[in-house]
């Protein structure tokens, strides 16, 4: 992987948000959910499509804090416009595990 400068890293705006709503996305090519993430007053409520069905039920998601990239351009995923990229890491089966803060933090806080 190519080495980047710290200034390049600073261009990626990663914020903490809380999942307010989660719905199935049966029209997606791969199993996915539609998420609505509250990213605080400055950014507000944003949508995301996430392939996280292997490790999470819809009930697991509502109220969960997550990290998301908020400054990528929106991306059309089927008939759903994904506005932010919710971040995760692979488990032993290469399925997504969401990245979450382990302390109480306010929505909209920027990662540094």
Protein backbone atom coordinates (compact mmCIF):
# COMPACT_ATOMS: atom_id res chain seq x y z
CA UNK A 1 0.00 0.00 0.00
CA UNK A 2 1.25 3.47 -0.86
CA UNK A 3 2.48 5.70 1.93
CA UNK A 4 0.54 8.95 2.41
CA UNK A 5 1.32 12.22 4.13
CA UNK A 6 -0.42 13.25 7.34
CA UNK A 7 -2.10 16.11 5.45
CA UNK A 8 -3.74 13.48 3.20
CA UNK A 9 -5.18 11.73 6.27
CA UNK A 10 -6.57 15.04 7.53
CA UNK A 11 -8.64 15.36 4.35
CA UNK A 12 -10.78 12.37 5.41
CA UNK A 13 -13.55 13.64 7.70
CA UNK A 14 -14.51 10.79 10.04
CA UNK A 15 -17.27 11.54 12.56
CA UNK A 16 -19.13 9.65 15.25
CA UNK A 17 -22.85 9.19 14.82
CA UNK A 18 -25.74 7.21 16.19
CA UNK A 19 -27.90 4.92 14.11
CA UNK A 20 -31.44 6.25 14.45
CA UNK A 21 -33.17 3.96 11.97
CA UNK A 22 -32.32 0.68 10.22
CA UNK A 23 -34.30 -1.14 7.54
CA UNK A 24 -33.75 -4.21 5.38
CA UNK A 25 -32.52 -3.55 1.85
CA UNK A 26 -33.80 -6.58 -0.08
CA UNK A 27 -33.12 -4.96 -3.48
CA UNK A 28 -29.35 -4.83 -2.84
CA UNK A 29 -27.15 -7.24 -4.80
CA UNK A 30 -25.45 -8.41 -1.59
CA UNK A 31 -27.31 -8.59 1.76
CA UNK A 32 -27.41 -5.09 3.25
CA UNK A 33 -29.30 -2.70 5.50
CA UNK A 34 -30.36 0.89 4.96
CA UNK A 35 -29.17 3.06 7.86
CA UNK A 36 -30.00 6.58 8.97
CA UNK A 37 -27.16 7.97 11.09
CA UNK A 38 -27.42 11.11 13.26
CA UNK A 39 -24.07 12.87 12.89
CA UNK A 40 -24.86 15.88 15.06
CA UNK A 41 -26.07 19.40 14.43
CA UNK A 42 -23.43 20.46 11.89
CA UNK A 43 -24.01 17.45 9.59
CA UNK A 44 -27.41 16.11 10.61
CA UNK A 45 -29.09 12.85 9.62
CA UNK A 46 -27.40 10.98 6.74
CA UNK A 47 -28.18 7.72 4.94
CA UNK A 48 -25.88 4.78 4.39
CA UNK A 49 -26.13 1.34 2.82
CA UNK A 50 -24.13 -1.22 4.78
CA UNK A 51 -23.35 -4.90 4.17
CA UNK A 52 -23.44 -5.80 7.86
CA UNK A 53 -26.21 -8.42 7.97
CA UNK A 54 -23.88 -11.27 9.02
CA UNK A 55 -23.06 -9.73 12.41
CA UNK A 56 -26.01 -7.45 13.15
CA UNK A 57 -29.80 -7.61 13.30
CA UNK A 58 -31.91 -4.51 12.79
CA UNK A 59 -32.57 -4.44 16.56
CA UNK A 60 -28.80 -4.48 17.27
CA UNK A 61 -28.31 -1.33 15.21
CA UNK A 62 -30.78 1.28 16.44
CA UNK A 63 -29.02 3.40 19.06
CA UNK A 64 -25.55 2.08 18.19
CA UNK A 65 -22.70 4.59 17.89
CA UNK A 66 -20.57 4.23 14.74
CA UNK A 67 -17.79 6.00 12.88
CA UNK A 68 -18.47 7.24 9.37
CA UNK A 69 -16.66 9.09 6.59
CA UNK A 70 -18.82 12.14 5.88
CA UNK A 71 -16.95 13.88 3.05
CA UNK A 72 -17.07 11.29 0.26
CA UNK A 73 -19.51 12.18 -2.53
CA UNK A 74 -22.92 10.46 -2.26
CA UNK A 75 -23.05 7.09 -4.00
CA UNK A 76 -26.04 5.47 -5.64
CA UNK A 77 -26.45 1.91 -4.31
CA UNK A 78 -29.29 0.45 -6.35
CA UNK A 79 -32.27 2.73 -5.75
CA UNK A 80 -30.82 4.08 -2.48
CA UNK A 81 -28.49 7.09 -2.21
CA UNK A 82 -25.75 6.39 0.35
CA UNK A 83 -24.45 9.68 1.76
CA UNK A 84 -21.82 8.47 4.26
CA UNK A 85 -19.55 5.44 4.59
CA UNK A 86 -20.01 3.62 7.90
CA UNK A 87 -16.67 2.09 8.93
CA UNK A 88 -15.88 -1.43 10.02
CA UNK A 89 -13.18 -4.09 10.15
CA UNK A 90 -13.30 -7.76 9.11
CA UNK A 91 -13.95 -10.57 11.58
CA UNK A 92 -12.49 -14.09 11.24
CA UNK A 93 -15.03 -14.80 8.44
CA UNK A 94 -14.26 -11.54 6.60
CA UNK A 95 -17.64 -10.10 7.65
CA UNK A 96 -17.95 -6.47 8.79
CA UNK A 97 -17.71 -5.52 12.46
CA UNK A 98 -18.62 -1.86 12.97
CA UNK A 99 -16.16 0.52 14.62
CA UNK A 100 -17.66 2.16 17.71
CA UNK A 101 -16.30 4.40 20.48
CA UNK A 102 -16.02 2.65 23.85
CA UNK A 103 -16.99 5.73 25.89
CA UNK A 104 -19.94 8.11 25.73
CA UNK A 105 -19.26 10.75 23.07
CA UNK A 106 -21.41 13.36 21.34
CA UNK A 107 -22.68 12.82 17.83
CA UNK A 108 -20.67 14.73 15.25
CA UNK A 109 -17.32 14.52 17.04
CA UNK A 110 -14.47 14.34 14.52
CA UNK A 111 -11.92 11.56 14.78
CA UNK A 112 -8.35 12.65 15.38
